[in-house]
Amino acid sequence: MILAFLLACATSEDPCTTLCMDAADLYGGCLTSWGASWEAAGYADEADFLDACATWAWEGRQLEAEAGEPGATDAVCRSRDEAFTAEDATCDDFTAVDWSAVPWRP
């Protein structure tokens, strides 16, 4: 029983890593449709965006630990990923996100 739990934990994917990859797909498509590049969006390339997104997740987890709000960043990652991968997801879904907001403050 414990071994099954540990294996499940070891193989579960970080929801923020998944979010970052799906956000890059959505935003990259938006940039293409707008005739823009990653550089025009402030990133050297998609890898730079992924690095910035991973940094955002790391910072969120540091802030949530200090605020006593465990799991808040993962919950935001899951919610945003759901929106970004929805069948009817649009560029507005990405651009409407306030990446600097913390989920435990209204």
PDB file of N, CA and C in Angstrom:
ATOM      1  N   MET A   1       0.824  -1.188   0.000  1.00  0.00           N
ATOM      2  CA  MET A   1       0.000   0.000   0.000  1.00  0.00           C
ATOM      3  C   MET A   1       0.873   1.259   0.000  1.00  0.00           C
ATOM      4  N   ILE A   2       1.837   1.297   0.882  1.00  0.00           N
ATOM      5  CA  ILE A   2       2.716   2.466   0.945  1.00  0.00           C
ATOM      6  C   ILE A   2       3.540   2.570  -0.332  1.00  0.00           C
ATOM      7  N   LEU A   3       3.992   1.448  -0.842  1.00  0.00           N
ATOM      8  CA  LEU A   3       4.779   1.451  -2.080  1.00  0.00           C
ATOM      9  C   LEU A   3       3.955   2.012  -3.241  1.00  0.00           C
ATOM     10  N   ALA A   4       2.693   1.634  -3.331  1.00  0.00           N
ATOM     11  CA  ALA A   4       1.820   2.151  -4.391  1.00  0.00           C
ATOM     12  C   ALA A   4       1.665   3.665  -4.275  1.00  0.00           C
ATOM     13  N   PHE A   5       1.531   4.142  -3.051  1.00  0.00           N
ATOM     14  CA  PHE A   5       1.407   5.583  -2.828  1.00  0.00           C
ATOM     15  C   PHE A   5       2.676   6.301  -3.260  1.00  0.00           C
ATOM     16  N   LEU A   6       3.823   5.751  -2.857  1.00  0.00           N
ATOM     17  CA  LEU A   6       5.092   6.382  -3.218  1.00  0.00           C
ATOM     18  C   LEU A   6       5.316   6.374  -4.724  1.00  0.00           C
ATOM     19  N   LEU A   7       4.951   5.293  -5.375  1.00  0.00           N
ATOM     20  CA  LEU A   7       5.085   5.239  -6.827  1.00  0.00           C
ATOM     21  C   LEU A   7       4.165   6.242  -7.503  1.00  0.00           C
ATOM     22  N   ALA A   8       2.962   6.398  -6.989  1.00  0.00           N
ATOM     23  CA  ALA A   8       2.030   7.375  -7.557  1.00  0.00           C
ATOM     24  C   ALA A   8       2.580   8.783  -7.406  1.00  0.00           C
ATOM     25  N   CYS A   9       3.165   9.068  -6.265  1.00  0.00           N
ATOM     26  CA  CYS A   9       3.749  10.400  -6.048  1.00  0.00           C
ATOM     27  C   CYS A   9       4.950  10.628  -6.947  1.00  0.00           C
ATOM     28  N   ALA A  10       5.756   9.607  -7.110  1.00  0.00           N
ATOM     29  CA  ALA A  10       6.970   9.740  -7.909  1.00  0.00           C
ATOM     30  C   ALA A  10       6.663   9.923  -9.386  1.00  0.00           C
ATOM     31  N   THR A  11       5.542   9.395  -9.853  1.00  0.00           N
ATOM     32  CA  THR A  11       5.241   9.485 -11.271  1.00  0.00           C
ATOM     33  C   THR A  11       4.258  10.598 -11.595  1.00  0.00           C
ATOM     34  N   SER A  12       3.700  11.245 -10.583  1.00  0.00           N
ATOM     35  CA  SER A  12       2.750  12.312 -10.881  1.00  0.00           C
ATOM     36  C   SER A  12       3.507  13.535 -11.406  1.00  0.00           C
ATOM     37  N   GLU A  13       2.949  14.126 -12.416  1.00  0.00           N
ATOM     38  CA  GLU A  13       3.605  15.256 -13.052  1.00  0.00           C
ATOM     39  C   GLU A  13       3.275  16.551 -12.309  1.00  0.00           C
ATOM     40  N   ASP A  14       4.234  17.428 -12.264  1.00  0.00           N
ATOM     41  CA  ASP A  14       4.058  18.728 -11.638  1.00  0.00           C
ATOM     42  C   ASP A  14       3.015  19.504 -12.438  1.00  0.00           C
ATOM     43  N   PRO A  15       1.922  19.939 -11.799  1.00  0.00           N
ATOM     44  CA  PRO A  15       0.887  20.655 -12.547  1.00  0.00           C
ATOM     45  C   PRO A  15       1.380  21.969 -13.150  1.00  0.00           C
ATOM     46  N   CYS A  16       2.390  22.553 -12.551  1.00  0.00           N
ATOM     47  CA  CYS A  16       2.900  23.811 -13.097  1.00  0.00           C
ATOM     48  C   CYS A  16       3.776  23.578 -14.323  1.00  0.00           C
ATOM     49  N   THR A  17       4.474  22.450 -14.363  1.00  0.00           N
ATOM     50  CA  THR A  17       5.238  22.103 -15.562  1.00  0.00           C
ATOM     51  C   THR A  17       4.281  21.883 -16.729  1.00  0.00           C
ATOM     52  N   THR A  18       3.191  21.173 -16.443  1.00  0.00           N
ATOM     53  CA  THR A  18       2.181  20.947 -17.476  1.00  0.00           C
ATOM     54  C   THR A  18       1.582  22.270 -17.930  1.00  0.00           C
ATOM     55  N   LEU A  19       1.253  23.137 -16.972  1.00  0.00           N
ATOM     56  CA  LEU A  19       0.706  24.457 -17.310  1.00  0.00           C
ATOM     57  C   LEU A  19       1.672  25.216 -18.212  1.00  0.00           C
ATOM     58  N   CYS A  20       2.926  25.252 -17.841  1.00  0.00           N
ATOM     59  CA  CYS A  20       3.894  26.025 -18.618  1.00  0.00           C
ATOM     60  C   CYS A  20       3.987  25.526 -20.057  1.00  0.00           C
ATOM     61  N   MET A  21       3.999  24.218 -20.237  1.00  0.00           N
ATOM     62  CA  MET A  21       4.063  23.672 -21.598  1.00  0.00           C
ATOM     63  C   MET A  21       2.801  24.022 -22.388  1.00  0.00           C
ATOM     64  N   ASP A  22       1.637  23.892 -21.749  1.00  0.00           N
ATOM     65  CA  ASP A  22       0.387  24.204 -22.441  1.00  0.00           C
ATOM     66  C   ASP A  22       0.233  25.710 -22.674  1.00  0.00           C
ATOM     67  N   ALA A  23       0.717  26.512 -21.745  1.00  0.00           N
ATOM     68  CA  ALA A  23       0.689  27.967 -21.923  1.00  0.00           C
ATOM     69  C   ALA A  23       1.577  28.369 -23.099  1.00  0.00           C
ATOM     70  N   ALA A  24       2.737  27.727 -23.212  1.00  0.00           N
ATOM     71  CA  ALA A  24       3.643  28.011 -24.339  1.00  0.00           C
ATOM     72  C   ALA A  24       2.984  27.646 -25.659  1.00  0.00           C
ATOM     73  N   ASP A  25       2.281  26.528 -25.675  1.00  0.00           N
ATOM     74  CA  ASP A  25       1.580  26.129 -26.907  1.00  0.00           C
ATOM     75  C   ASP A  25       0.519  27.154 -27.284  1.00  0.00           C
ATOM     76  N   LEU A  26      -0.302  27.535 -26.302  1.00  0.00           N
ATOM     77  CA  LEU A  26      -1.377  28.495 -26.581  1.00  0.00           C
ATOM     78  C   LEU A  26      -0.803  29.854 -26.974  1.00  0.00           C
ATOM     79  N   TYR A  27       0.104  30.371 -26.164  1.00  0.00           N
ATOM     80  CA  TYR A  27       0.656  31.703 -26.415  1.00  0.00           C
ATOM     81  C   TYR A  27       1.481  31.721 -27.705  1.00  0.00           C
ATOM     82  N   GLY A  28       2.231  30.651 -27.950  1.00  0.00           N
ATOM     83  CA  GLY A  28       2.993  30.567 -29.198  1.00  0.00           C
ATOM     84  C   GLY A  28       2.078  30.627 -30.412  1.00  0.00           C
ATOM     85  N   GLY A  29       0.943  29.939 -30.332  1.00  0.00           N
ATOM     86  CA  GLY A  29      -0.042  30.000 -31.411  1.00  0.00           C
ATOM     87  C   GLY A  29      -0.609  31.390 -31.577  1.00  0.00           C
ATOM     88  N   CYS A  30      -0.832  32.058 -30.442  1.00  0.00           N
ATOM     89  CA  CYS A  30      -1.338  33.439 -30.503  1.00  0.00           C
ATOM     90  C   CYS A  30      -0.312  34.340 -31.177  1.00  0.00           C
ATOM     91  N   LEU A  31       0.938  34.204 -30.758  1.00  0.00           N
ATOM     92  CA  LEU A  31       1.986  35.040 -31.355  1.00  0.00           C
ATOM     93  C   LEU A  31       2.054  34.828 -32.860  1.00  0.00           C
ATOM     94  N   THR A  32       1.972  33.583 -33.274  1.00  0.00           N
ATOM     95  CA  THR A  32       2.000  33.277 -34.706  1.00  0.00           C
ATOM     96  C   THR A  32       0.818  33.932 -35.414  1.00  0.00           C
ATOM     97  N   SER A  33      -0.368  33.803 -34.839  1.00  0.00           N
ATOM     98  CA  SER A  33      -1.557  34.375 -35.482  1.00  0.00           C
ATOM     99  C   SER A  33      -1.511  35.902 -35.505  1.00  0.00           C
ATOM    100  N   TRP A  34      -0.794  36.497 -34.567  1.00  0.00           N
ATOM    101  CA  TRP A  34      -0.655  37.955 -34.535  1.00  0.00           C
ATOM    102  C   TRP A  34       0.511  38.429 -35.398  1.00  0.00           C
ATOM    103  N   GLY A  35       1.257  37.484 -35.960  1.00  0.00           N
ATOM    104  CA  GLY A  35       2.429  37.845 -36.756  1.00  0.00           C
ATOM    105  C   GLY A  35       3.559  38.362 -35.890  1.00  0.00           C
ATOM    106  N   ALA A  36       3.622  37.894 -34.654  1.00  0.00           N
ATOM    107  CA  ALA A  36       4.638  38.353 -33.702  1.00  0.00           C
ATOM    108  C   ALA A  36       5.578  37.195 -33.360  1.00  0.00           C
ATOM    109  N   SER A  37       6.676  37.536 -32.742  1.00  0.00           N
ATOM    110  CA  SER A  37       7.664  36.535 -32.345  1.00  0.00           C
ATOM    111  C   SER A  37       7.751  36.475 -30.821  1.00  0.00           C
ATOM    112  N   TRP A  38       8.451  35.460 -30.322  1.00  0.00           N
ATOM    113  CA  TRP A  38       8.697  35.391 -28.885  1.00  0.00           C
ATOM    114  C   TRP A  38       9.467  36.621 -28.439  1.00  0.00           C
ATOM    115  N   GLU A  39      10.388  37.092 -29.264  1.00  0.00           N
ATOM    116  CA  GLU A  39      11.165  38.284 -28.906  1.00  0.00           C
ATOM    117  C   GLU A  39      10.269  39.503 -28.742  1.00  0.00           C
ATOM    118  N   ALA A  40       9.264  39.627 -29.599  1.00  0.00           N
ATOM    119  CA  ALA A  40       8.333  40.757 -29.486  1.00  0.00           C
ATOM    120  C   ALA A  40       7.540  40.680 -28.182  1.00  0.00           C
ATOM    121  N   ALA A  41       7.387  39.467 -27.657  1.00  0.00           N
ATOM    122  CA  ALA A  41       6.660  39.270 -26.406  1.00  0.00           C
ATOM    123  C   ALA A  41       7.576  39.380 -25.185  1.00  0.00           C
ATOM    124  N   GLY A  42       8.858  39.620 -25.418  1.00  0.00           N
ATOM    125  CA  GLY A  42       9.783  39.804 -24.311  1.00  0.00           C
ATOM    126  C   GLY A  42      10.587  38.576 -23.932  1.00  0.00           C
ATOM    127  N   TYR A  43      10.579  37.560 -24.777  1.00  0.00           N
ATOM    128  CA  TYR A  43      11.313  36.311 -24.518  1.00  0.00           C
ATOM    129  C   TYR A  43      12.247  36.036 -25.690  1.00  0.00           C
ATOM    130  N   ALA A  44      13.388  35.455 -25.418  1.00  0.00           N
ATOM    131  CA  ALA A  44      14.321  35.126 -26.497  1.00  0.00           C
ATOM    132  C   ALA A  44      13.708  34.091 -27.436  1.00  0.00           C
ATOM    133  N   ASP A  45      12.986  33.137 -26.853  1.00  0.00           N
ATOM    134  CA  ASP A  45      12.349  32.076 -27.623  1.00  0.00           C
ATOM    135  C   ASP A  45      11.390  31.331 -26.695  1.00  0.00           C
ATOM    136  N   GLU A  46      10.818  30.252 -27.181  1.00  0.00           N
ATOM    137  CA  GLU A  46       9.869  29.485 -26.367  1.00  0.00           C
ATOM    138  C   GLU A  46      10.536  28.928 -25.108  1.00  0.00           C
ATOM    139  N   ALA A  47      11.782  28.490 -25.229  1.00  0.00           N
ATOM    140  CA  ALA A  47      12.494  27.958 -24.063  1.00  0.00           C
ATOM    141  C   ALA A  47      12.647  29.016 -22.977  1.00  0.00           C
ATOM    142  N   ASP A  48      12.856  30.247 -23.388  1.00  0.00           N
ATOM    143  CA  ASP A  48      12.967  31.353 -22.434  1.00  0.00           C
ATOM    144  C   ASP A  48      11.624  31.580 -21.737  1.00  0.00           C
ATOM    145  N   PHE A  49      10.534  31.474 -22.480  1.00  0.00           N
ATOM    146  CA  PHE A  49       9.206  31.583 -21.884  1.00  0.00           C
ATOM    147  C   PHE A  49       8.997  30.468 -20.861  1.00  0.00           C
ATOM    148  N   LEU A  50       9.361  29.237 -21.230  1.00  0.00           N
ATOM    149  CA  LEU A  50       9.212  28.104 -20.321  1.00  0.00           C
ATOM    150  C   LEU A  50      10.028  28.303 -19.048  1.00  0.00           C
ATOM    151  N   ASP A  51      11.218  28.861 -19.182  1.00  0.00           N
ATOM    152  CA  ASP A  51      12.058  29.147 -18.021  1.00  0.00           C
ATOM    153  C   ASP A  51      11.397  30.199 -17.131  1.00  0.00           C
ATOM    154  N   ALA A  52      10.852  31.243 -17.741  1.00  0.00           N
ATOM    155  CA  ALA A  52      10.171  32.288 -16.973  1.00  0.00           C
ATOM    156  C   ALA A  52       8.939  31.724 -16.263  1.00  0.00           C
ATOM    157  N   CYS A  53       8.225  30.852 -16.926  1.00  0.00           N
ATOM    158  CA  CYS A  53       7.038  30.238 -16.332  1.00  0.00           C
ATOM    159  C   CYS A  53       7.432  29.355 -15.153  1.00  0.00           C
ATOM    160  N   ALA A  54       8.501  28.578 -15.296  1.00  0.00           N
ATOM    161  CA  ALA A  54       8.981  27.738 -14.197  1.00  0.00           C
ATOM    162  C   ALA A  54       9.426  28.591 -13.013  1.00  0.00           C
ATOM    163  N   THR A  55      10.030  29.718 -13.305  1.00  0.00           N
ATOM    164  CA  THR A  55      10.440  30.640 -12.245  1.00  0.00           C
ATOM    165  C   THR A  55       9.211  31.204 -11.537  1.00  0.00           C
ATOM    166  N   TRP A  56       8.173  31.549 -12.304  1.00  0.00           N
ATOM    167  CA  TRP A  56       6.918  32.035 -11.716  1.00  0.00           C
ATOM    168  C   TRP A  56       6.357  30.990 -10.749  1.00  0.00           C
ATOM    169  N   ALA A  57       6.350  29.720 -11.151  1.00  0.00           N
ATOM    170  CA  ALA A  57       5.829  28.650 -10.300  1.00  0.00           C
ATOM    171  C   ALA A  57       6.672  28.510  -9.036  1.00  0.00           C
ATOM    172  N   TRP A  58       7.982  28.549  -9.178  1.00  0.00           N
ATOM    173  CA  TRP A  58       8.873  28.439  -8.021  1.00  0.00           C
ATOM    174  C   TRP A  58       8.625  29.595  -7.051  1.00  0.00           C
ATOM    175  N   GLU A  59       8.536  30.809  -7.591  1.00  0.00           N
ATOM    176  CA  GLU A  59       8.278  31.972  -6.739  1.00  0.00           C
ATOM    177  C   GLU A  59       6.929  31.850  -6.036  1.00  0.00           C
ATOM    178  N   GLY A  60       5.922  31.380  -6.765  1.00  0.00           N
ATOM    179  CA  GLY A  60       4.600  31.198  -6.168  1.00  0.00           C
ATOM    180  C   GLY A  60       4.646  30.241  -4.996  1.00  0.00           C
ATOM    181  N   ARG A  61       5.394  29.175  -5.148  1.00  0.00           N
ATOM    182  CA  ARG A  61       5.507  28.196  -4.058  1.00  0.00           C
ATOM    183  C   ARG A  61       6.262  28.774  -2.863  1.00  0.00           C
ATOM    184  N   GLN A  62       7.235  29.621  -3.119  1.00  0.00           N
ATOM    185  CA  GLN A  62       7.942  30.276  -2.010  1.00  0.00           C
ATOM    186  C   GLN A  62       6.997  31.220  -1.267  1.00  0.00           C
ATOM    187  N   LEU A  63       6.234  31.993  -2.021  1.00  0.00           N
ATOM    188  CA  LEU A  63       5.294  32.932  -1.406  1.00  0.00           C
ATOM    189  C   LEU A  63       4.181  32.211  -0.652  1.00  0.00           C
ATOM    190  N   GLU A  64       3.680  31.123  -1.221  1.00  0.00           N
ATOM    191  CA  GLU A  64       2.604  30.391  -0.550  1.00  0.00           C
ATOM    192  C   GLU A  64       3.103  29.774   0.747  1.00  0.00           C
ATOM    193  N   ALA A  65       4.350  29.324   0.767  1.00  0.00           N
ATOM    194  CA  ALA A  65       4.913  28.756   1.996  1.00  0.00           C
ATOM    195  C   ALA A  65       5.000  29.828   3.075  1.00  0.00           C
ATOM    196  N   GLU A  66       5.457  31.016   2.705  1.00  0.00           N
ATOM    197  CA  GLU A  66       5.553  32.117   3.658  1.00  0.00           C
ATOM    198  C   GLU A  66       4.186  32.580   4.145  1.00  0.00           C
ATOM    199  N   ALA A  67       3.177  32.482   3.283  1.00  0.00           N
ATOM    200  CA  ALA A  67       1.822  32.930   3.627  1.00  0.00           C
ATOM    201  C   ALA A  67       1.006  31.839   4.320  1.00  0.00           C
ATOM    202  N   GLY A  68       1.561  30.641   4.430  1.00  0.00           N
ATOM    203  CA  GLY A  68       0.821  29.542   5.033  1.00  0.00           C
ATOM    204  C   GLY A  68      -0.342  29.075   4.171  1.00  0.00           C
ATOM    205  N   GLU A  69      -0.154  29.086   2.862  1.00  0.00           N
ATOM    206  CA  GLU A  69      -1.194  28.698   1.898  1.00  0.00           C
ATOM    207  C   GLU A  69      -0.712  27.532   1.033  1.00  0.00           C
ATOM    208  N   PRO A  70      -0.411  26.392   1.645  1.00  0.00           N
ATOM    209  CA  PRO A  70       0.145  25.277   0.870  1.00  0.00           C
ATOM    210  C   PRO A  70      -0.803  24.790  -0.222  1.00  0.00           C
ATOM    211  N   GLY A  71      -0.214  24.536  -1.380  1.00  0.00           N
ATOM    212  CA  GLY A  71      -0.981  23.997  -2.506  1.00  0.00           C
ATOM    213  C   GLY A  71      -1.653  25.031  -3.383  1.00  0.00           C
ATOM    214  N   ALA A  72      -1.581  26.297  -3.010  1.00  0.00           N
ATOM    215  CA  ALA A  72      -2.273  27.342  -3.777  1.00  0.00           C
ATOM    216  C   ALA A  72      -1.717  27.459  -5.196  1.00  0.00           C
ATOM    217  N   THR A  73      -0.426  27.389  -5.350  1.00  0.00           N
ATOM    218  CA  THR A  73       0.178  27.518  -6.678  1.00  0.00           C
ATOM    219  C   THR A  73      -0.208  26.342  -7.562  1.00  0.00           C
ATOM    220  N   ASP A  74      -0.167  25.143  -7.019  1.00  0.00           N
ATOM    221  CA  ASP A  74      -0.568  23.972  -7.805  1.00  0.00           C
ATOM    222  C   ASP A  74      -2.026  24.081  -8.238  1.00  0.00           C
ATOM    223  N   ALA A  75      -2.879  24.591  -7.352  1.00  0.00           N
ATOM    224  CA  ALA A  75      -4.298  24.751  -7.698  1.00  0.00           C
ATOM    225  C   ALA A  75      -4.459  25.753  -8.837  1.00  0.00           C
ATOM    226  N   VAL A  76      -3.705  26.844  -8.792  1.00  0.00           N
ATOM    227  CA  VAL A  76      -3.761  27.844  -9.863  1.00  0.00           C
ATOM    228  C   VAL A  76      -3.253  27.231 -11.163  1.00  0.00           C
ATOM    229  N   CYS A  77      -2.192  26.464 -11.083  1.00  0.00           N
ATOM    230  CA  CYS A  77      -1.647  25.821 -12.286  1.00  0.00           C
ATOM    231  C   CYS A  77      -2.679  24.894 -12.914  1.00  0.00           C
ATOM    232  N   ARG A  78      -3.344  24.107 -12.103  1.00  0.00           N
ATOM    233  CA  ARG A  78      -4.362  23.192 -12.639  1.00  0.00           C
ATOM    234  C   ARG A  78      -5.510  23.961 -13.276  1.00  0.00           C
ATOM    235  N   SER A  79      -5.961  25.008 -12.612  1.00  0.00           N
ATOM    236  CA  SER A  79      -7.085  25.805 -13.124  1.00  0.00           C
ATOM    237  C   SER A  79      -6.727  26.493 -14.444  1.00  0.00           C
ATOM    238  N   ARG A  80      -5.561  27.113 -14.487  1.00  0.00           N
ATOM    239  CA  ARG A  80      -5.143  27.798 -15.717  1.00  0.00           C
ATOM    240  C   ARG A  80      -4.913  26.802 -16.838  1.00  0.00           C
ATOM    241  N   ASP A  81      -4.329  25.654 -16.501  1.00  0.00           N
ATOM    242  CA  ASP A  81      -4.086  24.653 -17.530  1.00  0.00           C
ATOM    243  C   ASP A  81      -5.403  24.160 -18.116  1.00  0.00           C
ATOM    244  N   GLU A  82      -6.387  23.994 -17.266  1.00  0.00           N
ATOM    245  CA  GLU A  82      -7.708  23.574 -17.750  1.00  0.00           C
ATOM    246  C   GLU A  82      -8.266  24.596 -18.739  1.00  0.00           C
ATOM    247  N   ALA A  83      -8.108  25.882 -18.418  1.00  0.00           N
ATOM    248  CA  ALA A  83      -8.595  26.937 -19.318  1.00  0.00           C
ATOM    249  C   ALA A  83      -7.788  26.973 -20.619  1.00  0.00           C
ATOM    250  N   PHE A  84      -6.478  26.816 -20.509  1.00  0.00           N
ATOM    251  CA  PHE A  84      -5.612  26.918 -21.683  1.00  0.00           C
ATOM    252  C   PHE A  84      -5.748  25.727 -22.630  1.00  0.00           C
ATOM    253  N   THR A  85      -6.194  24.593 -22.114  1.00  0.00           N
ATOM    254  CA  THR A  85      -6.316  23.402 -22.953  1.00  0.00           C
ATOM    255  C   THR A  85      -7.767  23.087 -23.316  1.00  0.00           C
ATOM    256  N   ALA A  86      -8.670  23.951 -22.914  1.00  0.00           N
ATOM    257  CA  ALA A  86     -10.075  23.740 -23.263  1.00  0.00           C
ATOM    258  C   ALA A  86     -10.228  23.787 -24.779  1.00  0.00           C
ATOM    259  N   GLU A  87     -11.203  23.067 -25.265  1.00  0.00           N
ATOM    260  CA  GLU A  87     -11.437  23.014 -26.708  1.00  0.00           C
ATOM    261  C   GLU A  87     -11.683  24.402 -27.290  1.00  0.00           C
ATOM    262  N   ASP A  88     -12.309  25.271 -26.500  1.00  0.00           N
ATOM    263  CA  ASP A  88     -12.629  26.619 -26.980  1.00  0.00           C
ATOM    264  C   ASP A  88     -11.661  27.683 -26.444  1.00  0.00           C
ATOM    265  N   ALA A  89     -10.453  27.277 -26.034  1.00  0.00           N
ATOM    266  CA  ALA A  89      -9.465  28.224 -25.513  1.00  0.00           C
ATOM    267  C   ALA A  89      -9.081  29.235 -26.593  1.00  0.00           C
ATOM    268  N   THR A  90      -8.926  30.477 -26.182  1.00  0.00           N
ATOM    269  CA  THR A  90      -8.549  31.547 -27.104  1.00  0.00           C
ATOM    270  C   THR A  90      -7.350  32.307 -26.550  1.00  0.00           C
ATOM    271  N   CYS A  91      -6.835  33.184 -27.357  1.00  0.00           N
ATOM    272  CA  CYS A  91      -5.738  34.045 -26.919  1.00  0.00           C
ATOM    273  C   CYS A  91      -6.174  34.919 -25.747  1.00  0.00           C
ATOM    274  N   ASP A  92      -7.433  35.290 -25.703  1.00  0.00           N
ATOM    275  CA  ASP A  92      -7.951  36.078 -24.582  1.00  0.00           C
ATOM    276  C   ASP A  92      -7.826  35.330 -23.265  1.00  0.00           C
ATOM    277  N   ASP A  93      -7.938  34.012 -23.294  1.00  0.00           N
ATOM    278  CA  ASP A  93      -7.773  33.224 -22.070  1.00  0.00           C
ATOM    279  C   ASP A  93      -6.363  33.391 -21.513  1.00  0.00           C
ATOM    280  N   PHE A  94      -5.391  33.496 -22.399  1.00  0.00           N
ATOM    281  CA  PHE A  94      -4.013  33.689 -21.952  1.00  0.00           C
ATOM    282  C   PHE A  94      -3.775  35.132 -21.526  1.00  0.00           C
ATOM    283  N   THR A  95      -4.174  36.078 -22.352  1.00  0.00           N
ATOM    284  CA  THR A  95      -3.862  37.480 -22.061  1.00  0.00           C
ATOM    285  C   THR A  95      -4.649  38.035 -20.881  1.00  0.00           C
ATOM    286  N   ALA A  96      -5.737  37.384 -20.498  1.00  0.00           N
ATOM    287  CA  ALA A  96      -6.541  37.854 -19.365  1.00  0.00           C
ATOM    288  C   ALA A  96      -5.933  37.469 -18.013  1.00  0.00           C
ATOM    289  N   VAL A  97      -4.938  36.607 -18.015  1.00  0.00           N
ATOM    290  CA  VAL A  97      -4.355  36.129 -16.762  1.00  0.00           C
ATOM    291  C   VAL A  97      -3.465  37.198 -16.146  1.00  0.00           C
ATOM    292  N   ASP A  98      -3.671  37.445 -14.859  1.00  0.00           N
ATOM    293  CA  ASP A  98      -2.788  38.327 -14.091  1.00  0.00           C
ATOM    294  C   ASP A  98      -1.756  37.430 -13.423  1.00  0.00           C
ATOM    295  N   TRP A  99      -0.600  37.303 -14.040  1.00  0.00           N
ATOM    296  CA  TRP A  99       0.434  36.386 -13.562  1.00  0.00           C
ATOM    297  C   TRP A  99       1.066  36.860 -12.259  1.00  0.00           C
ATOM    298  N   SER A 100       0.816  38.098 -11.852  1.00  0.00           N
ATOM    299  CA  SER A 100       1.409  38.589 -10.610  1.00  0.00           C
ATOM    300  C   SER A 100       0.472  38.478  -9.410  1.00  0.00           C
ATOM    301  N   ALA A 101      -0.781  38.063  -9.644  1.00  0.00           N
ATOM    302  CA  ALA A 101      -1.747  37.942  -8.549  1.00  0.00           C
ATOM    303  C   ALA A 101      -1.451  36.688  -7.724  1.00  0.00           C
ATOM    304  N   VAL A 102      -1.672  36.776  -6.433  1.00  0.00           N
ATOM    305  CA  VAL A 102      -1.569  35.596  -5.581  1.00  0.00           C
ATOM    306  C   VAL A 102      -2.975  35.102  -5.275  1.00  0.00           C
ATOM    307  N   PRO A 103      -3.197  33.796  -5.359  1.00  0.00           N
ATOM    308  CA  PRO A 103      -4.557  33.265  -5.272  1.00  0.00           C
ATOM    309  C   PRO A 103      -5.226  33.400  -3.912  1.00  0.00           C
ATOM    310  N   TRP A 104      -4.476  33.605  -2.875  1.00  0.00           N
ATOM    311  CA  TRP A 104      -5.101  33.676  -1.549  1.00  0.00           C
ATOM    312  C   TRP A 104      -5.465  35.104  -1.166  1.00  0.00           C
ATOM    313  N   ARG A 105      -5.188  36.063  -2.044  1.00  0.00           N
ATOM    314  CA  ARG A 105      -5.623  37.448  -1.823  1.00  0.00           C
ATOM    315  C   ARG A 105      -6.641  37.834  -2.879  1.00  0.00           C
ATOM    316  N   PRO A 106      -7.829  38.203  -2.439  1.00  0.00           N
ATOM    317  CA  PRO A 106      -8.864  38.597  -3.427  1.00  0.00           C
ATOM    318  C   PRO A 106      -8.516  39.903  -4.129  1.00  0.00           C
TER     319      PRO A 106
END
